[in-house]
Amino acid sequence: MAQSVQIILEDDLEGGPADETVQFGLDGRQYEIDLSTANAEKLREALRPFAAAGRRAQGKSPRTTGPRSSGGNPETAKIRAWAKKNGYEVSDRGRVHQSIKDAYYAAQ
């Protein structure tokens, strides 16, 4: 036995058949409304002068994936200086390899 599911959109203003779902935003909130073609055009026509006079807002600010760096650890700077002085190859930025940290702590 087969089943068929049919979704029928109704115009949220007038209750008749809706042809499309229109998305819009106002005062920081996003809305969706199901409208007939005629009502969707009325909404677009009503908003057109405001959209033309306004400017597009940027999307939501990008989310960070983790805590931001505080600019480095003072101890890391000491480890780098020690490593360079003792012949280890270490970059001025980025992560210090664990073997270099281990050697530094063993030498203390």
N, C-alpha and C. Protein backbone atom coordinates (compact mmCIF):
# COMPACT_ATOMS: atom_id res chain seq x y z
N MET A 1 0.84 -1.16 0.00
CA MET A 1 0.00 0.00 0.00
C MET A 1 0.90 1.23 0.00
N ALA A 2 0.62 2.17 -0.84
CA ALA A 2 1.40 3.40 -0.96
C ALA A 2 0.63 4.55 -0.32
N GLN A 3 1.41 5.46 0.25
CA GLN A 3 0.79 6.66 0.82
C GLN A 3 1.31 7.86 0.06
N SER A 4 0.47 8.84 -0.04
CA SER A 4 0.85 10.08 -0.69
C SER A 4 0.53 11.22 0.26
N VAL A 5 1.53 12.03 0.55
CA VAL A 5 1.34 13.18 1.43
C VAL A 5 1.35 14.42 0.57
N GLN A 6 0.34 15.22 0.73
CA GLN A 6 0.23 16.43 -0.08
C GLN A 6 0.19 17.63 0.87
N ILE A 7 1.05 18.60 0.61
CA ILE A 7 1.07 19.82 1.40
C ILE A 7 0.43 20.91 0.56
N ILE A 8 -0.60 21.50 1.12
CA ILE A 8 -1.31 22.57 0.41
C ILE A 8 -1.08 23.86 1.17
N LEU A 9 -0.47 24.82 0.51
CA LEU A 9 -0.23 26.12 1.14
C LEU A 9 -1.47 26.99 1.00
N GLU A 10 -1.82 27.64 2.11
CA GLU A 10 -2.94 28.58 2.09
C GLU A 10 -2.41 29.98 2.31
N ASP A 11 -2.97 30.92 1.59
CA ASP A 11 -2.60 32.33 1.73
C ASP A 11 -2.89 32.75 3.17
N ASP A 12 -1.85 33.23 3.86
CA ASP A 12 -2.00 33.61 5.26
C ASP A 12 -2.86 34.86 5.45
N LEU A 13 -3.08 35.63 4.40
CA LEU A 13 -3.93 36.82 4.51
C LEU A 13 -5.39 36.54 4.19
N GLU A 14 -5.61 35.79 3.13
CA GLU A 14 -6.97 35.62 2.64
C GLU A 14 -7.52 34.21 2.77
N GLY A 15 -6.67 33.24 3.08
CA GLY A 15 -7.14 31.88 3.26
C GLY A 15 -7.27 31.05 1.99
N GLY A 16 -7.13 31.65 0.83
CA GLY A 16 -7.19 30.90 -0.43
C GLY A 16 -5.88 30.19 -0.70
N PRO A 17 -5.73 29.63 -1.89
CA PRO A 17 -4.49 28.94 -2.24
C PRO A 17 -3.30 29.91 -2.28
N ALA A 18 -2.17 29.45 -1.74
CA ALA A 18 -0.94 30.24 -1.77
C ALA A 18 -0.03 29.66 -2.85
N ASP A 19 0.69 30.54 -3.53
CA ASP A 19 1.59 30.12 -4.60
C ASP A 19 3.05 30.10 -4.18
N GLU A 20 3.38 30.84 -3.12
CA GLU A 20 4.78 30.92 -2.71
C GLU A 20 4.89 31.32 -1.25
N THR A 21 6.06 31.05 -0.70
CA THR A 21 6.40 31.48 0.65
C THR A 21 7.37 32.64 0.51
N VAL A 22 7.03 33.77 1.09
CA VAL A 22 7.86 34.98 1.00
C VAL A 22 8.55 35.18 2.34
N GLN A 23 9.84 35.44 2.29
CA GLN A 23 10.61 35.73 3.50
C GLN A 23 10.95 37.21 3.52
N PHE A 24 10.88 37.80 4.71
CA PHE A 24 11.27 39.20 4.86
C PHE A 24 11.68 39.44 6.30
N GLY A 25 12.35 40.56 6.54
CA GLY A 25 12.81 40.88 7.88
C GLY A 25 12.39 42.28 8.27
N LEU A 26 12.17 42.48 9.57
CA LEU A 26 11.81 43.79 10.10
C LEU A 26 12.23 43.85 11.56
N ASP A 27 12.90 44.91 11.93
CA ASP A 27 13.32 45.13 13.32
C ASP A 27 14.10 43.94 13.90
N GLY A 28 14.98 43.39 13.09
CA GLY A 28 15.83 42.31 13.57
C GLY A 28 15.19 40.94 13.59
N ARG A 29 13.96 40.83 13.14
CA ARG A 29 13.27 39.54 13.12
C ARG A 29 13.02 39.11 11.69
N GLN A 30 13.10 37.82 11.45
CA GLN A 30 12.85 37.26 10.13
C GLN A 30 11.47 36.62 10.12
N TYR A 31 10.74 36.81 9.02
CA TYR A 31 9.39 36.29 8.89
C TYR A 31 9.25 35.50 7.60
N GLU A 32 8.31 34.57 7.60
CA GLU A 32 7.89 33.85 6.41
C GLU A 32 6.38 33.95 6.35
N ILE A 33 5.86 34.13 5.16
CA ILE A 33 4.41 34.20 4.98
C ILE A 33 4.06 33.52 3.66
N ASP A 34 3.03 32.70 3.69
CA ASP A 34 2.55 32.03 2.48
C ASP A 34 1.52 32.94 1.82
N LEU A 35 1.74 33.25 0.54
CA LEU A 35 0.89 34.20 -0.16
C LEU A 35 0.57 33.74 -1.57
N SER A 36 -0.55 34.23 -2.06
CA SER A 36 -0.86 34.06 -3.48
C SER A 36 0.09 34.95 -4.27
N THR A 37 0.18 34.73 -5.55
CA THR A 37 1.05 35.55 -6.39
C THR A 37 0.66 37.02 -6.29
N ALA A 38 -0.64 37.31 -6.28
CA ALA A 38 -1.11 38.70 -6.21
C ALA A 38 -0.72 39.34 -4.88
N ASN A 39 -0.90 38.62 -3.76
CA ASN A 39 -0.55 39.20 -2.46
C ASN A 39 0.97 39.31 -2.28
N ALA A 40 1.72 38.38 -2.84
CA ALA A 40 3.18 38.48 -2.78
C ALA A 40 3.64 39.73 -3.52
N GLU A 41 3.03 40.01 -4.66
CA GLU A 41 3.39 41.22 -5.41
C GLU A 41 2.99 42.47 -4.65
N LYS A 42 1.84 42.45 -3.97
CA LYS A 42 1.42 43.61 -3.15
C LYS A 42 2.44 43.87 -2.04
N LEU A 43 2.90 42.81 -1.40
CA LEU A 43 3.90 42.97 -0.34
C LEU A 43 5.20 43.54 -0.90
N ARG A 44 5.66 42.98 -2.00
CA ARG A 44 6.90 43.48 -2.61
C ARG A 44 6.75 44.93 -3.05
N GLU A 45 5.61 45.27 -3.61
CA GLU A 45 5.36 46.64 -4.05
C GLU A 45 5.35 47.60 -2.86
N ALA A 46 4.75 47.18 -1.75
CA ALA A 46 4.70 48.02 -0.55
C ALA A 46 6.10 48.24 0.03
N LEU A 47 6.94 47.22 -0.03
CA LEU A 47 8.29 47.32 0.56
C LEU A 47 9.33 47.92 -0.38
N ARG A 48 9.04 47.94 -1.68
CA ARG A 48 10.01 48.38 -2.68
C ARG A 48 10.59 49.77 -2.38
N PRO A 49 9.79 50.82 -2.08
CA PRO A 49 10.40 52.13 -1.83
C PRO A 49 11.30 52.15 -0.59
N PHE A 50 10.95 51.36 0.42
CA PHE A 50 11.78 51.31 1.62
C PHE A 50 13.09 50.57 1.34
N ALA A 51 13.00 49.49 0.58
CA ALA A 51 14.20 48.74 0.23
C ALA A 51 15.12 49.58 -0.66
N ALA A 52 14.53 50.34 -1.57
CA ALA A 52 15.32 51.17 -2.48
C ALA A 52 16.03 52.29 -1.72
N ALA A 53 15.39 52.84 -0.69
CA ALA A 53 15.99 53.93 0.08
C ALA A 53 16.96 53.42 1.14
N GLY A 54 16.84 52.17 1.52
CA GLY A 54 17.69 51.61 2.57
C GLY A 54 18.97 51.05 2.02
N ARG A 55 19.70 50.38 2.86
CA ARG A 55 20.93 49.70 2.46
C ARG A 55 20.84 48.27 2.98
N ARG A 56 21.48 47.38 2.26
CA ARG A 56 21.46 45.98 2.67
C ARG A 56 22.26 45.80 3.95
N ALA A 57 21.69 45.10 4.88
CA ALA A 57 22.39 44.82 6.13
C ALA A 57 23.28 43.60 5.94
N GLN A 58 24.36 43.59 6.66
CA GLN A 58 25.23 42.42 6.64
C GLN A 58 24.53 41.29 7.37
N GLY A 59 24.92 40.08 7.03
CA GLY A 59 24.36 38.92 7.72
C GLY A 59 24.82 38.93 9.16
N LYS A 60 24.46 37.91 9.87
CA LYS A 60 24.89 37.80 11.26
C LYS A 60 26.40 37.78 11.32
N SER A 61 26.94 38.29 12.41
CA SER A 61 28.38 38.32 12.53
C SER A 61 28.90 36.89 12.59
N PRO A 62 30.06 36.66 12.00
CA PRO A 62 30.59 35.30 11.96
C PRO A 62 30.85 34.76 13.36
N ARG A 63 30.58 33.52 13.54
CA ARG A 63 30.82 32.89 14.84
C ARG A 63 32.27 32.43 14.89
N THR A 64 32.84 32.56 16.05
CA THR A 64 34.20 32.07 16.22
C THR A 64 34.13 30.61 16.62
N THR A 65 35.16 29.87 16.29
CA THR A 65 35.17 28.45 16.58
C THR A 65 35.76 28.14 17.94
N GLY A 66 36.33 29.12 18.59
CA GLY A 66 36.93 28.89 19.89
C GLY A 66 37.39 30.20 20.48
N PRO A 67 37.98 30.14 21.64
CA PRO A 67 38.45 31.38 22.25
C PRO A 67 39.57 32.00 21.43
N ARG A 68 39.58 33.30 21.40
CA ARG A 68 40.63 34.00 20.66
C ARG A 68 41.92 34.01 21.47
N SER A 69 43.02 34.05 20.75
CA SER A 69 44.32 34.08 21.39
C SER A 69 44.51 35.40 22.11
N SER A 70 45.15 35.34 23.24
CA SER A 70 45.39 36.56 24.01
C SER A 70 46.66 37.27 23.59
N GLY A 71 47.26 36.81 22.50
CA GLY A 71 48.48 37.47 22.03
C GLY A 71 49.73 36.71 22.41
N GLY A 72 49.60 35.55 23.01
CA GLY A 72 50.76 34.75 23.34
C GLY A 72 50.99 34.66 24.84
N ASN A 73 51.65 33.61 25.22
CA ASN A 73 51.96 33.35 26.61
C ASN A 73 53.39 33.83 26.87
N PRO A 74 53.62 34.59 27.94
CA PRO A 74 54.98 35.05 28.22
C PRO A 74 55.96 33.89 28.39
N GLU A 75 55.49 32.76 28.92
CA GLU A 75 56.36 31.61 29.09
C GLU A 75 56.77 31.04 27.72
N THR A 76 55.87 31.11 26.76
CA THR A 76 56.19 30.63 25.41
C THR A 76 57.32 31.45 24.82
N ALA A 77 57.32 32.75 25.08
CA ALA A 77 58.41 33.61 24.59
C ALA A 77 59.74 33.18 25.22
N LYS A 78 59.72 32.82 26.50
CA LYS A 78 60.94 32.35 27.17
C LYS A 78 61.42 31.03 26.56
N ILE A 79 60.46 30.15 26.27
CA ILE A 79 60.81 28.85 25.67
C ILE A 79 61.43 29.06 24.29
N ARG A 80 60.85 29.96 23.51
CA ARG A 80 61.40 30.25 22.17
C ARG A 80 62.83 30.78 22.27
N ALA A 81 63.04 31.73 23.18
CA ALA A 81 64.37 32.32 23.34
C ALA A 81 65.37 31.24 23.77
N TRP A 82 64.97 30.40 24.73
CA TRP A 82 65.85 29.32 25.18
C TRP A 82 66.15 28.36 24.03
N ALA A 83 65.12 28.00 23.26
CA ALA A 83 65.30 27.04 22.16
C ALA A 83 66.27 27.58 21.12
N LYS A 84 66.13 28.85 20.75
CA LYS A 84 67.04 29.44 19.75
C LYS A 84 68.47 29.47 20.28
N LYS A 85 68.61 29.83 21.56
CA LYS A 85 69.93 29.91 22.19
C LYS A 85 70.61 28.54 22.25
N ASN A 86 69.79 27.50 22.33
CA ASN A 86 70.31 26.14 22.46
C ASN A 86 70.26 25.34 21.17
N GLY A 87 70.14 26.04 20.04
CA GLY A 87 70.26 25.40 18.74
C GLY A 87 69.01 24.71 18.19
N TYR A 88 67.89 24.93 18.81
CA TYR A 88 66.65 24.36 18.29
C TYR A 88 66.08 25.28 17.21
N GLU A 89 65.46 24.68 16.24
CA GLU A 89 64.81 25.46 15.19
C GLU A 89 63.37 25.70 15.62
N VAL A 90 63.03 26.96 15.84
CA VAL A 90 61.68 27.30 16.31
C VAL A 90 61.23 28.57 15.60
N SER A 91 59.97 28.62 15.20
CA SER A 91 59.46 29.80 14.50
C SER A 91 59.13 30.90 15.50
N ASP A 92 58.99 32.12 14.99
CA ASP A 92 58.66 33.25 15.85
C ASP A 92 57.18 33.28 16.22
N ARG A 93 56.38 32.57 15.45
CA ARG A 93 54.94 32.54 15.70
C ARG A 93 54.44 31.11 15.64
N GLY A 94 53.25 30.91 16.15
CA GLY A 94 52.64 29.59 16.08
C GLY A 94 52.97 28.74 17.29
N ARG A 95 52.61 27.50 17.17
CA ARG A 95 52.76 26.57 18.28
C ARG A 95 54.20 26.09 18.41
N VAL A 96 54.66 25.99 19.65
CA VAL A 96 55.99 25.46 19.93
C VAL A 96 55.84 23.95 20.08
N HIS A 97 56.66 23.19 19.37
CA HIS A 97 56.57 21.73 19.39
C HIS A 97 56.77 21.20 20.81
N GLN A 98 56.03 20.16 21.15
CA GLN A 98 56.08 19.61 22.50
C GLN A 98 57.47 19.12 22.88
N SER A 99 58.23 18.58 21.94
CA SER A 99 59.58 18.09 22.26
C SER A 99 60.48 19.25 22.71
N ILE A 100 60.28 20.43 22.15
CA ILE A 100 61.06 21.60 22.56
C ILE A 100 60.64 22.03 23.96
N LYS A 101 59.35 22.02 24.23
CA LYS A 101 58.86 22.35 25.58
C LYS A 101 59.42 21.36 26.61
N ASP A 102 59.40 20.07 26.25
CA ASP A 102 59.92 19.05 27.17
C ASP A 102 61.39 19.29 27.46
N ALA A 103 62.17 19.62 26.43
CA ALA A 103 63.60 19.89 26.61
C ALA A 103 63.81 21.12 27.49
N TYR A 104 63.00 22.14 27.29
CA TYR A 104 63.10 23.36 28.09
C TYR A 104 62.84 23.05 29.56
N TYR A 105 61.75 22.34 29.83
CA TYR A 105 61.41 22.03 31.23
C TYR A 105 62.45 21.10 31.87
N ALA A 106 63.01 20.19 31.09
CA ALA A 106 64.05 19.29 31.61
C ALA A 106 65.31 20.07 31.97
N ALA A 107 65.58 21.15 31.24
CA ALA A 107 66.79 21.95 31.48
C ALA A 107 66.63 22.90 32.66
N GLN A 108 65.45 23.10 33.14
CA GLN A 108 65.22 24.06 34.23
C GLN A 108 65.57 23.49 35.58
